[in-house]
Amino acid sequence: MIAVSDAEHVAEVIESCTMEFTAHCCELHGSPPFGALVRVESHPVVYGFVYEILTHSIDPMRRPIAYGKSEEELREEQPQIFELLRTDFKALIVGYEYENILRHALPPHPPRLHSFVYTCTRDEVRRFTTEFDYLRLILTFSRAIGDELLIATCRHAWDAHDRKNAYLVDMGKELARLVRDDYDRLRSILRRITL
């Protein structure tokens, strides 16, 4: 884990439960990418993979409307519009760290509201994804985007491990073990990780 002062937070937790959290981004369109590993500085430190990104109005009663203009034109003609928008993201909790021990499991308590969220560094992603226990948590995620999230997180992990073939083979073996009853699904997942 890196020191909090070494990085700027990208968001703040505004809703949390045992399995996931929602964070409000500091900047409009400032979310980490889909599938990115993020950490919440709470007690314990909580890790999650971004699975949904949403930009919307800050006022639920006022939906944005189409103006038929480019973003640049709107910023010039009606800059106040962008003050009324925000970007949030949701992350699936896949682990936590307590007393310097990293666990690929749900934490005993969800992240606290107003805790800061950081995009994990390459080294943090490498450390978190060295073991593959987090894959099972993603596979059991029952949302329609489960496989898409799995593929995106595997790509981020493979990148953090310098796209080494040995890591990809080990990850493939673990995925084969976890989805052994669905060959077509496994084949699709493995093929799309390497695209």
Foldseek 3Di string as FASTA:
>chain_A
DDDPVVDDFQWFWAAKFQWKTKTWGPAAVSDDDALFWKWWPAVWIWIWGWHDKDKFFPDPVDGDDDDPDDPVVCCVVPVVVRVGMTMMIMTTTQWTAHPNDTDRDGDPTMGDGGTTMHGDDLVVLQVNPVDPSSLLSLCPPPDPCSLVSSLSNLLSNCVSVVVDPVSLVVNLVVLCVVPVVDVVSSVVSSVSSVD
